[in-house]
Amino acid sequence: MNMNLKNVAAIIGISAMTTVASMWAYGKITEKNSSFETDGKLPANYASFFNVSAPASTVDFTPAANAASPAVVHIKTKTNAKKVESNQRRQRNPFSDFFGEDDMFGDFFGGPRMQPEQRASGSGVLITADGYIVTNNHVVNGADEINVTLTNKKSYKAKVIGVDASSDIAVIKIEASGLPYLVYGNSDEIKLGQWVLAIGYPLNLDVTITAGIISAKNRSIDINSRQSDKPVESFLQTDAAVNQGNSGGALVNTSGELVGINSAIASPTGSYAGYAYAIPVNMVKKVVTDIVKYGTVQRAYLGISYPKDGLSEEELKKVLAELNTKYKEGEGILITDVLDGGAAKAAGIKKGDVLIKINGVAVKTSPELQEQVSRYKPGDKMNLIIKREGKDMSMEVILRAKLGSTDLVKSSKAAEKLGGKLETIDKATAEKNDLEGGVLIKELGTGIIGKSRIEKGFVITHVNEEPVNTVEEFYEALKKASSSSIKISGVYPGYFGNYAFILNLNE
């Protein structure tokens, strides 16, 4: 019996010694193989993480949700039945004058067709106690009737104050007082990984709140180019669940402050698939202020060209060879051209310069550049840090409007009534049709132009017999119009003859 106990004790002792020796040897081997850590030091990027004390409890979304949700409204729109351009139509239909606009063969020949009444819904955010609401342009664009319902189930008719297709922002208003509204936060302070709430009316449901984090900043997804030839995008990306109907709703932080307006989702199906995009509130504030104060957005331009983001190595080499300059991808915005009459050229900026900072804020991508410039108006001063031949230089730039002027753009009520999407025709089209310039009607819209006999693709060359070569000249001619009607004339590219139309601005 005693011998057995001694044997057991010996076995236990040997096992313990073996275990200790094995652990010592493993520690030595691990120490030799841990080539990414030296002297027990942590990587620099972890220093702030471990120096910050952990929160005492988990995040509570209740206060933010309760404060913000009453200020988010349900927007329902109705667009009346109307004649629209056939999808088959690309140029003026030579048979339209023969058959007339109401002929039954319209669709067959590419003529007008009837579009049935349409109804849609989205969300909006109250930003004042007297009923100003910010939403998306695509929520209210073209609507003949807009209804707003609050969380208390009260409904109001709304009118459009102004829209900006470039940023996809619109301002509408209801007649009421003492309303709840959201306070602005600061989207510049938003951090990756920060909790946010998306609030809106998805899928025609009642007010709905979802939570997520900021998963990326300064995103461009090229969605605003569908409604504007000068899109401005620098989205906040979040994984908070957002669906159709959330457009125009609020993205708020855990303090209940508005940090973004939900605008789009990335989805192969049209439903939530993991990522949603919101317009940063600092951009929203500028656009809303301009619309309310001036009736239109005061958009300023630097007057530079730069490569698109994500060039391949070969594409970048080609650009650098043409400029005969050096550039490291990610160090800033490479300037490939400086436009005549622009703010940059007036300040002395040259091709091959690299824009590094705007008013102290680093810019490395085109969305970052767009977001910074979009906050300013013509006549504002900006300090730029640019790199030229390896040296940093500070330059003061006075921003200009599109035509090189620092004057603010004045809203034209006549232009608003006309509606439609207009743009200056390109040089190739002008030369091909023996024109000095002109204004292309790219989309008819729901205003006076859309209700007239004018068809998409028409190029306006004169207003009241006064020649107009650009969109800006067209709007200036409208302001000079003294009567309630105007005569516009022009051509349909590819077809013989000039056409004239009288438009009643009182319609």
Protein backbone atom coordinates (compact mmCIF):
# COMPACT_ATOMS: atom_id res chain seq x y z
CA MET A 1 0.00 0.00 0.00
CA ASN A 2 2.79 2.44 0.96
CA MET A 3 4.70 1.47 -2.19
CA ASN A 4 1.67 2.26 -4.33
CA LEU A 5 1.31 5.70 -2.72
CA LYS A 6 4.97 6.42 -3.32
CA ASN A 7 4.62 5.42 -6.96
CA VAL A 8 1.59 7.68 -7.42
CA ALA A 9 3.39 10.61 -5.79
CA ALA A 10 6.40 10.10 -8.03
CA ILE A 11 4.22 10.04 -11.15
CA ILE A 12 2.44 13.29 -10.11
CA GLY A 13 5.77 14.98 -9.41
CA ILE A 14 7.22 13.98 -12.79
CA SER A 15 4.04 15.17 -14.56
CA ALA A 16 4.19 18.55 -12.82
CA MET A 17 7.85 19.02 -13.72
CA THR A 18 7.13 18.07 -17.34
CA THR A 19 4.26 20.59 -17.54
CA VAL A 20 6.37 23.43 -16.15
CA ALA A 21 9.21 22.62 -18.54
CA SER A 22 6.83 22.47 -21.50
CA MET A 23 5.31 25.87 -20.65
CA TRP A 24 8.78 27.43 -20.28
CA ALA A 25 9.88 26.02 -23.64
CA TYR A 26 6.67 27.18 -25.39
CA GLY A 27 7.15 30.66 -23.98
CA LYS A 28 10.68 30.82 -25.38
CA ILE A 29 9.56 29.58 -28.80
CA THR A 30 6.66 32.04 -28.89
CA GLU A 31 8.96 34.88 -27.88
CA LYS A 32 11.30 34.10 -30.77
CA ASN A 33 8.45 33.82 -33.29
CA SER A 34 6.65 37.02 -32.22
CA SER A 35 8.42 39.23 -34.72
CA PHE A 36 5.57 41.82 -34.75
CA GLU A 37 5.94 42.80 -31.09
CA THR A 38 9.13 43.98 -29.41
CA ASP A 39 9.78 44.54 -25.70
CA GLY A 40 6.09 43.99 -24.95
CA LYS A 41 5.11 47.24 -26.71
CA LEU A 42 1.76 47.60 -28.46
CA PRO A 43 1.37 48.96 -32.00
CA ALA A 44 0.96 52.76 -31.99
CA ASN A 45 -2.61 52.54 -33.30
CA TYR A 46 -3.71 50.71 -30.13
CA ALA A 47 -2.33 53.29 -27.69
CA SER A 48 -5.42 55.51 -27.55
CA PHE A 49 -7.69 52.46 -27.43
CA PHE A 50 -6.20 51.08 -24.22
CA ASN A 51 -5.72 54.51 -22.62
CA VAL A 52 -9.44 55.27 -22.81
CA SER A 53 -11.47 53.83 -19.94
CA ALA A 54 -14.29 51.51 -20.95
CA PRO A 55 -17.83 52.90 -20.65
CA ALA A 56 -19.66 52.04 -17.49
CA SER A 57 -22.61 50.59 -19.39
CA THR A 58 -23.84 49.81 -22.92
CA VAL A 59 -25.19 52.54 -25.17
CA ASP A 60 -28.84 53.40 -24.56
CA PHE A 61 -30.63 54.63 -27.71
CA THR A 62 -33.87 55.47 -25.90
CA PRO A 63 -33.27 59.20 -25.22
CA ALA A 64 -32.11 59.90 -28.79
CA ALA A 65 -35.00 57.93 -30.31
CA ASN A 66 -37.60 59.67 -28.15
CA ALA A 67 -36.20 63.12 -28.88
CA ALA A 68 -35.72 62.71 -32.63
CA SER A 69 -38.64 60.60 -33.86
CA PRO A 70 -41.40 63.26 -33.37
CA ALA A 71 -39.50 65.56 -35.77
CA VAL A 72 -39.36 63.02 -38.62
CA VAL A 73 -42.38 63.17 -40.92
CA HIS A 74 -44.06 60.96 -43.51
CA ILE A 75 -44.23 62.51 -46.99
CA LYS A 76 -46.76 61.26 -49.54
CA THR A 77 -46.79 62.61 -53.09
CA LYS A 78 -49.17 62.45 -56.03
CA THR A 79 -48.23 63.11 -59.65
CA ASN A 80 -51.18 63.62 -61.97
CA ALA A 81 -51.65 61.63 -65.17
CA LYS A 82 -49.93 63.38 -68.05
CA LYS A 83 -48.43 63.05 -71.47
CA VAL A 84 -44.79 62.03 -71.42
CA GLU A 85 -42.12 61.39 -74.00
CA SER A 86 -41.97 57.83 -75.26
CA ASN A 87 -38.90 55.85 -74.25
CA GLN A 88 -38.44 55.04 -77.93
CA ARG A 89 -38.11 58.72 -78.80
CA ARG A 90 -34.62 60.07 -79.35
CA GLN A 91 -35.20 63.01 -81.72
CA ARG A 92 -38.12 65.08 -82.91
CA ASN A 93 -40.78 62.88 -84.50
CA PRO A 94 -41.28 64.12 -88.10
CA PHE A 95 -44.86 62.72 -88.05
CA SER A 96 -45.98 64.62 -84.95
CA ASP A 97 -47.12 67.74 -86.82
CA PHE A 98 -49.05 65.56 -89.26
CA PHE A 99 -50.89 63.46 -86.70
CA GLY A 100 -50.98 66.04 -83.90
CA GLU A 101 -49.90 65.43 -80.30
CA ASP A 102 -53.04 63.53 -79.36
CA ASP A 103 -52.95 60.95 -82.11
CA MET A 104 -53.45 57.30 -81.24
CA PHE A 105 -50.25 56.33 -83.07
CA GLY A 106 -48.04 58.31 -80.72
CA ASP A 107 -46.28 55.35 -79.12
CA PHE A 108 -45.87 53.54 -82.43
CA PHE A 109 -44.10 56.50 -83.99
CA GLY A 110 -42.28 57.47 -80.82
CA GLY A 111 -44.74 60.24 -79.95
CA PRO A 112 -46.28 61.24 -76.60
CA ARG A 113 -48.03 58.67 -74.46
CA MET A 114 -50.16 58.92 -71.34
CA GLN A 115 -48.54 58.24 -68.00
CA PRO A 116 -51.05 57.22 -65.31
CA GLU A 117 -51.35 58.97 -61.97
CA GLN A 118 -48.45 58.07 -59.68
CA ARG A 119 -48.22 57.99 -55.91
CA ALA A 120 -45.08 57.61 -53.80
CA SER A 121 -43.88 58.17 -50.27
CA GLY A 122 -40.73 59.11 -48.41
CA SER A 123 -39.59 60.82 -45.25
CA GLY A 124 -38.61 64.31 -44.15
CA VAL A 125 -37.11 66.13 -41.17
CA LEU A 126 -38.59 69.18 -39.46
CA ILE A 127 -35.82 71.75 -38.96
CA THR A 128 -37.87 74.70 -37.62
CA ALA A 129 -40.86 75.10 -35.34
CA ASP A 130 -42.81 76.88 -38.09
CA GLY A 131 -42.79 73.99 -40.54
CA TYR A 132 -39.67 74.01 -42.71
CA ILE A 133 -38.81 70.44 -43.72
CA VAL A 134 -35.70 69.06 -45.43
CA THR A 135 -36.01 65.95 -47.58
CA ASN A 136 -34.56 64.52 -50.79
CA ASN A 137 -35.12 66.12 -54.18
CA HIS A 138 -36.07 62.74 -55.61
CA VAL A 139 -38.85 62.39 -53.02
CA VAL A 140 -40.77 65.49 -54.16
CA ASN A 141 -39.45 66.14 -57.68
CA GLY A 142 -42.28 66.54 -60.19
CA ALA A 143 -45.04 66.00 -57.61
CA ASP A 144 -48.32 67.86 -58.15
CA GLU A 145 -49.45 67.31 -54.57
CA ILE A 146 -47.41 66.81 -51.37
CA ASN A 147 -48.92 65.70 -48.06
CA VAL A 148 -47.03 65.59 -44.78
CA THR A 149 -48.11 63.50 -41.79
CA LEU A 150 -46.58 63.93 -38.34
CA THR A 151 -46.14 61.22 -35.73
CA ASN A 152 -49.26 62.56 -33.98
CA LYS A 153 -51.20 61.68 -37.19
CA LYS A 154 -51.91 65.31 -38.11
CA SER A 155 -51.63 65.91 -41.86
CA TYR A 156 -50.78 69.04 -43.81
CA LYS A 157 -50.46 70.14 -47.43
CA ALA A 158 -46.89 71.14 -48.23
CA LYS A 159 -45.37 73.45 -50.82
CA VAL A 160 -41.89 73.24 -52.32
CA ILE A 161 -39.60 76.09 -51.28
CA GLY A 162 -36.70 74.96 -53.46
CA VAL A 163 -34.70 71.97 -54.65
CA ASP A 164 -31.11 71.11 -55.49
CA ALA A 165 -30.76 68.08 -57.74
CA SER A 166 -26.94 68.13 -57.52
CA SER A 167 -26.96 67.23 -53.83
CA ASP A 168 -30.44 65.61 -53.86
CA ILE A 169 -31.81 68.01 -51.27
CA ALA A 170 -35.20 69.74 -51.20
CA VAL A 171 -36.89 72.12 -48.77
CA ILE A 172 -40.67 72.04 -48.35
CA LYS A 173 -42.93 73.83 -45.88
CA ILE A 174 -46.19 73.25 -44.05
CA GLU A 175 -48.26 75.97 -42.39
CA ALA A 176 -48.08 75.22 -38.67
CA SER A 177 -46.38 76.45 -35.51
CA GLY A 178 -44.94 75.05 -32.31
CA LEU A 179 -43.71 71.93 -34.08
CA PRO A 180 -40.97 69.62 -32.80
CA TYR A 181 -37.76 69.85 -34.82
CA LEU A 182 -34.28 68.39 -34.89
CA VAL A 183 -31.17 70.35 -33.96
CA TYR A 184 -28.15 70.18 -36.24
CA GLY A 185 -25.13 68.16 -35.20
CA ASN A 186 -21.67 68.39 -36.75
CA SER A 187 -20.93 65.79 -39.40
CA ASP A 188 -17.23 66.74 -39.36
CA GLU A 189 -17.04 65.18 -35.90
CA ILE A 190 -18.50 61.86 -37.03
CA LYS A 191 -16.10 58.96 -36.42
CA LEU A 192 -15.90 55.54 -38.02
CA GLY A 193 -17.59 52.98 -35.79
CA GLN A 194 -19.83 55.59 -34.13
CA TRP A 195 -23.39 54.56 -33.34
CA VAL A 196 -26.17 56.24 -35.32
CA LEU A 197 -29.93 55.85 -35.70
CA ALA A 198 -31.84 55.95 -39.00
CA ILE A 199 -35.39 57.27 -38.57
CA GLY A 200 -38.04 57.30 -41.28
CA TYR A 201 -41.08 55.67 -42.85
CA PRO A 202 -39.82 52.66 -44.83
CA LEU A 203 -42.13 50.50 -46.92
CA ASN A 204 -45.11 52.72 -45.94
CA LEU A 205 -44.78 51.64 -42.31
CA ASP A 206 -45.25 54.01 -39.40
CA VAL A 207 -42.18 55.80 -38.02
CA THR A 208 -39.38 53.24 -37.74
CA ILE A 209 -36.00 53.43 -35.98
CA THR A 210 -32.97 51.27 -36.77
CA ALA A 211 -29.46 51.39 -35.32
CA GLY A 212 -26.06 50.90 -36.88
CA ILE A 213 -22.60 52.36 -37.07
CA ILE A 214 -20.82 54.73 -39.43
CA SER A 215 -19.00 52.26 -41.68
CA ALA A 216 -17.38 54.79 -44.05
CA LYS A 217 -17.18 58.51 -44.84
CA ASN A 218 -16.82 60.58 -48.01
CA ARG A 219 -18.40 57.94 -50.22
CA SER A 220 -19.35 58.65 -53.85
CA ILE A 221 -21.71 56.16 -55.50
CA ASP A 222 -22.52 58.20 -58.64
CA ILE A 223 -26.25 58.19 -57.98
CA ASN A 224 -26.91 61.94 -58.17
CA SER A 225 -25.69 61.95 -61.78
CA ARG A 226 -29.10 60.45 -62.64
CA GLN A 227 -30.74 63.80 -61.91
CA SER A 228 -27.92 66.32 -62.33
CA ASP A 229 -25.01 66.94 -64.67
CA LYS A 230 -23.10 68.49 -61.74
CA PRO A 231 -23.54 65.88 -58.99
CA VAL A 232 -22.15 66.51 -55.52
CA GLU A 233 -21.60 63.41 -53.39
CA SER A 234 -19.74 62.81 -50.16
CA PHE A 235 -22.00 60.38 -48.32
CA LEU A 236 -21.83 58.98 -44.82
CA GLN A 237 -22.13 55.19 -45.11
CA THR A 238 -23.96 53.25 -42.40
CA ASP A 239 -25.16 49.72 -41.81
CA ALA A 240 -28.35 50.90 -40.08
CA ALA A 241 -31.22 49.22 -41.93
CA VAL A 242 -32.69 51.61 -44.53
CA ASN A 243 -35.33 50.75 -47.15
CA GLN A 244 -37.47 52.47 -49.76
CA GLY A 245 -39.41 55.19 -48.01
CA ASN A 246 -36.51 56.08 -45.70
CA SER A 247 -35.30 58.60 -48.28
CA GLY A 248 -35.28 62.09 -46.77
CA GLY A 249 -35.37 60.74 -43.22
CA ALA A 250 -32.99 61.47 -40.37
CA LEU A 251 -29.64 60.01 -39.44
CA VAL A 252 -29.01 61.03 -35.82
CA ASN A 253 -26.25 60.44 -33.29
CA THR A 254 -26.82 59.10 -29.77
CA SER A 255 -27.32 62.68 -28.53
CA GLY A 256 -30.35 63.00 -30.81
CA GLU A 257 -28.65 65.50 -33.15
CA LEU A 258 -29.19 65.42 -36.91
CA VAL A 259 -25.95 64.32 -38.61
CA GLY A 260 -27.29 63.32 -42.04
CA ILE A 261 -30.25 62.98 -44.40
CA ASN A 262 -30.76 59.41 -45.60
CA SER A 263 -30.63 59.38 -49.38
CA ALA A 264 -29.80 56.01 -50.94
CA ILE A 265 -29.09 52.33 -50.40
CA ALA A 266 -26.63 49.98 -52.07
CA SER A 267 -28.66 46.97 -53.10
CA PRO A 268 -28.87 44.49 -55.97
CA THR A 269 -32.58 43.98 -55.21
CA GLY A 270 -33.85 47.44 -54.28
CA SER A 271 -34.21 46.44 -50.62
CA TYR A 272 -31.77 46.77 -47.73
CA ALA A 273 -28.64 44.70 -48.29
CA GLY A 274 -26.28 46.08 -45.67
CA TYR A 275 -25.28 49.60 -46.67
CA ALA A 276 -27.07 52.93 -46.74
CA TYR A 277 -25.92 56.45 -47.57
CA ALA A 278 -26.72 59.79 -45.95
CA ILE A 279 -25.90 63.36 -46.97
CA PRO A 280 -23.69 64.92 -44.25
CA VAL A 281 -25.57 67.54 -42.25
CA ASN A 282 -22.89 70.19 -42.77
CA MET A 283 -23.57 70.00 -46.50
CA VAL A 284 -27.33 69.96 -45.85
CA LYS A 285 -27.14 73.15 -43.76
CA LYS A 286 -25.45 75.10 -46.55
CA VAL A 287 -27.92 73.98 -49.22
CA VAL A 288 -30.98 74.59 -47.02
CA THR A 289 -29.77 78.06 -45.99
CA ASP A 290 -29.18 79.03 -49.63
CA ILE A 291 -32.57 77.77 -50.76
CA VAL A 292 -34.46 79.60 -48.01
CA LYS A 293 -32.41 82.82 -48.28
CA TYR A 294 -31.76 83.10 -52.01
CA GLY A 295 -34.25 80.71 -53.60
CA THR A 296 -31.44 78.72 -55.19
CA VAL A 297 -28.13 77.15 -54.18
CA GLN A 298 -25.11 79.44 -54.35
CA ARG A 299 -22.61 76.99 -55.79
CA ALA A 300 -18.98 78.06 -56.01
CA TYR A 301 -16.23 76.60 -58.17
CA LEU A 302 -12.46 76.37 -57.89
CA GLY A 303 -12.02 75.95 -61.62
CA ILE A 304 -9.76 72.91 -61.69
CA SER A 305 -9.77 69.49 -63.31
CA TYR A 306 -8.45 66.34 -61.66
CA PRO A 307 -8.40 62.59 -62.38
CA LYS A 308 -11.20 60.34 -61.23
CA ASP A 309 -10.51 58.32 -58.10
CA GLY A 310 -9.15 54.79 -58.40
CA LEU A 311 -7.01 55.14 -61.51
CA SER A 312 -5.00 52.06 -62.42
CA GLU A 313 -1.23 52.22 -62.16
CA GLU A 314 -0.91 52.49 -65.94
CA GLU A 315 -3.54 55.25 -66.18
CA LEU A 316 -1.82 57.23 -63.43
CA LYS A 317 1.58 56.85 -65.11
CA LYS A 318 0.13 58.22 -68.34
CA VAL A 319 -1.37 61.26 -66.56
CA LEU A 320 1.91 62.00 -64.76
CA ALA A 321 3.87 61.67 -67.99
CA GLU A 322 1.60 64.21 -69.70
CA LEU A 323 2.03 66.64 -66.80
CA ASN A 324 5.74 65.88 -66.39
CA THR A 325 5.33 65.81 -62.63
CA LYS A 326 5.66 63.51 -59.61
CA TYR A 327 2.78 62.48 -57.41
CA LYS A 328 2.13 59.83 -54.76
CA GLU A 329 -1.41 58.50 -54.80
CA GLY A 330 -3.28 59.57 -51.69
CA GLU A 331 -1.23 62.68 -50.90
CA GLY A 332 -3.86 65.05 -52.26
CA ILE A 333 -5.76 66.08 -55.40
CA LEU A 334 -3.61 66.13 -58.53
CA ILE A 335 -4.57 69.15 -60.64
CA THR A 336 -4.54 68.21 -64.33
CA ASP A 337 -5.97 71.46 -65.69
CA VAL A 338 -6.70 75.00 -64.53
CA LEU A 339 -9.69 76.56 -66.27
CA ASP A 340 -9.65 80.04 -67.81
CA GLY A 341 -11.71 82.53 -65.83
CA GLY A 342 -11.69 80.31 -62.74
CA ALA A 343 -10.70 81.09 -59.17
CA ALA A 344 -7.71 78.74 -59.20
CA LYS A 345 -6.10 80.37 -62.23
CA ALA A 346 -6.59 83.83 -60.77
CA ALA A 347 -4.80 82.68 -57.62
CA GLY A 348 -1.80 81.33 -59.53
CA ILE A 349 -2.47 77.61 -59.28
CA LYS A 350 -0.92 75.57 -62.11
CA LYS A 351 -1.23 72.20 -63.81
CA GLY A 352 0.69 69.55 -61.89
CA ASP A 353 0.10 71.18 -58.50
CA VAL A 354 -1.25 68.91 -55.76
CA LEU A 355 -4.04 70.29 -53.57
CA ILE A 356 -3.44 69.06 -50.02
CA LYS A 357 -5.66 71.12 -47.71
CA ILE A 358 -8.64 73.48 -47.86
CA ASN A 359 -8.89 75.81 -44.87
CA GLY A 360 -6.81 73.37 -42.85
CA VAL A 361 -8.85 70.28 -43.79
CA ALA A 362 -6.98 67.55 -45.66
CA VAL A 363 -8.47 66.49 -49.01
CA LYS A 364 -7.33 63.25 -50.65
CA THR A 365 -10.32 62.18 -52.73
CA SER A 366 -12.80 63.92 -55.03
CA PRO A 367 -15.74 63.43 -52.57
CA GLU A 368 -13.70 65.14 -49.85
CA LEU A 369 -12.92 68.00 -52.23
CA GLN A 370 -16.57 68.32 -53.30
CA GLU A 371 -17.82 68.36 -49.73
CA GLN A 372 -15.44 71.13 -48.68
CA VAL A 373 -16.07 73.37 -51.70
CA SER A 374 -19.85 72.81 -51.50
CA ARG A 375 -19.90 74.63 -48.15
CA TYR A 376 -18.92 77.94 -49.71
CA LYS A 377 -20.53 80.43 -52.08
CA PRO A 378 -19.17 82.70 -54.81
CA GLY A 379 -17.06 85.48 -53.29
CA ASP A 380 -15.95 83.45 -50.27
CA LYS A 381 -12.23 83.21 -49.58
CA MET A 382 -10.46 79.90 -49.05
CA ASN A 383 -6.91 79.13 -47.99
CA LEU A 384 -5.36 76.30 -49.97
CA ILE A 385 -2.19 74.37 -49.26
CA ILE A 386 -0.75 73.03 -52.49
CA LYS A 387 2.44 71.13 -53.23
CA ARG A 388 4.54 72.28 -56.17
CA GLU A 389 7.85 70.63 -57.07
CA GLY A 390 8.02 69.06 -53.62
CA LYS A 391 7.38 72.26 -51.67
CA ASP A 392 4.23 73.24 -49.78
CA MET A 393 2.71 76.60 -50.69
CA SER A 394 -0.15 78.57 -49.16
CA MET A 395 -2.56 80.34 -51.52
CA GLU A 396 -5.68 82.43 -50.98
CA VAL A 397 -8.47 81.81 -53.48
CA ILE A 398 -11.66 83.84 -53.99
CA LEU A 399 -14.28 81.39 -55.21
CA ARG A 400 -16.27 82.16 -58.33
CA ALA A 401 -19.57 81.18 -59.86
CA LYS A 402 -19.69 79.01 -62.95
CA LEU A 403 -19.04 81.87 -65.37
CA GLY A 404 -16.16 83.30 -63.38
CA SER A 405 -18.20 85.92 -61.51
CA THR A 406 -18.29 86.27 -57.72
CA ASP A 407 -21.88 87.59 -57.85
CA LEU A 408 -24.57 85.56 -56.13
CA VAL A 409 -27.16 83.87 -58.31
CA LYS A 410 -30.64 85.37 -58.13
CA SER A 411 -33.65 83.08 -58.25
CA SER A 412 -36.02 83.58 -61.15
CA LYS A 413 -39.70 82.86 -60.57
CA ALA A 414 -40.13 82.56 -64.32
CA ALA A 415 -37.42 79.88 -64.46
CA GLU A 416 -39.14 77.97 -61.67
CA LYS A 417 -42.46 78.08 -63.52
CA LEU A 418 -40.91 76.90 -66.77
CA GLY A 419 -39.35 73.83 -65.11
CA GLY A 420 -37.53 71.26 -67.19
CA LYS A 421 -33.86 70.34 -67.18
CA LEU A 422 -31.75 72.67 -69.29
CA GLU A 423 -28.08 72.63 -70.22
CA THR A 424 -25.79 74.48 -72.60
CA ILE A 425 -25.26 72.46 -75.78
CA ASP A 426 -21.78 71.10 -76.43
CA LYS A 427 -19.52 72.64 -79.05
CA ALA A 428 -19.75 69.64 -81.39
CA THR A 429 -23.56 69.85 -81.57
CA ALA A 430 -23.42 73.60 -82.05
CA GLU A 431 -20.93 73.37 -84.93
CA LYS A 432 -22.80 70.52 -86.59
CA ASN A 433 -25.99 72.62 -86.65
CA ASP A 434 -24.30 75.93 -87.53
CA LEU A 435 -25.10 77.47 -84.14
CA GLU A 436 -23.03 79.79 -81.99
CA GLY A 437 -24.55 78.14 -78.94
CA GLY A 438 -27.92 77.32 -77.42
CA VAL A 439 -29.81 75.74 -74.56
CA LEU A 440 -30.77 72.07 -74.81
CA ILE A 441 -34.02 70.94 -73.20
CA LYS A 442 -32.79 67.68 -71.75
CA GLU A 443 -35.94 66.90 -69.73
CA LEU A 444 -39.39 68.48 -70.05
CA GLY A 445 -40.34 68.42 -66.37
CA THR A 446 -43.80 69.25 -65.01
CA GLY A 447 -43.76 73.03 -65.47
CA ILE A 448 -44.86 75.18 -68.39
CA ILE A 449 -42.33 73.63 -70.77
CA GLY A 450 -43.65 70.14 -70.03
CA LYS A 451 -47.22 71.24 -70.76
CA SER A 452 -46.38 72.98 -74.04
CA ARG A 453 -45.87 71.56 -77.54
CA ILE A 454 -42.10 71.71 -77.08
CA GLU A 455 -40.43 68.33 -77.19
CA LYS A 456 -37.33 66.98 -75.50
CA GLY A 457 -34.20 67.67 -77.51
CA PHE A 458 -35.25 71.15 -78.63
CA VAL A 459 -32.42 73.70 -78.60
CA ILE A 460 -33.41 77.25 -77.60
CA THR A 461 -31.45 79.87 -79.53
CA HIS A 462 -33.54 83.01 -78.89
CA VAL A 463 -35.79 84.45 -76.17
CA ASN A 464 -37.98 87.32 -77.40
CA GLU A 465 -35.71 87.54 -80.45
CA GLU A 466 -32.65 87.98 -78.22
CA PRO A 467 -29.93 85.35 -78.88
CA VAL A 468 -29.01 83.04 -75.99
CA ASN A 469 -25.97 80.78 -76.17
CA THR A 470 -25.82 79.43 -72.61
CA VAL A 471 -28.17 78.49 -69.78
CA GLU A 472 -27.02 81.56 -67.87
CA GLU A 473 -27.88 83.85 -70.80
CA PHE A 474 -31.28 82.14 -71.06
CA TYR A 475 -32.11 82.90 -67.42
CA GLU A 476 -30.87 86.48 -67.79
CA ALA A 477 -33.19 86.92 -70.78
CA LEU A 478 -36.10 85.63 -68.67
CA LYS A 479 -35.42 88.24 -66.00
CA LYS A 480 -35.59 90.97 -68.65
CA ALA A 481 -38.97 89.81 -69.95
CA SER A 482 -41.50 92.57 -69.27
CA SER A 483 -44.72 90.79 -70.24
CA SER A 484 -46.49 87.72 -68.88
CA SER A 485 -45.56 85.70 -71.97
CA ILE A 486 -42.30 85.01 -73.76
CA LYS A 487 -41.40 83.80 -77.21
CA ILE A 488 -38.70 81.17 -77.43
CA SER A 489 -37.36 79.92 -80.73
CA GLY A 490 -34.78 77.41 -81.85
CA VAL A 491 -34.13 74.17 -83.67
CA TYR A 492 -34.36 70.41 -83.36
CA PRO A 493 -30.82 69.11 -84.10
CA GLY A 494 -30.89 66.89 -87.18
CA TYR A 495 -34.10 68.41 -88.58
CA PHE A 496 -34.61 71.30 -90.96
CA GLY A 497 -36.22 74.58 -89.96
CA ASN A 498 -36.69 76.91 -87.00
CA TYR A 499 -39.56 76.63 -84.54
CA ALA A 500 -41.09 79.24 -82.26
CA PHE A 501 -43.32 78.84 -79.19
CA ILE A 502 -45.21 81.37 -77.07
CA LEU A 503 -45.19 80.45 -73.37
CA ASN A 504 -47.62 82.06 -70.91
CA LEU A 505 -45.79 82.60 -67.62
CA ASN A 506 -49.07 83.02 -65.75
CA GLU A 507 -50.04 79.40 -66.29
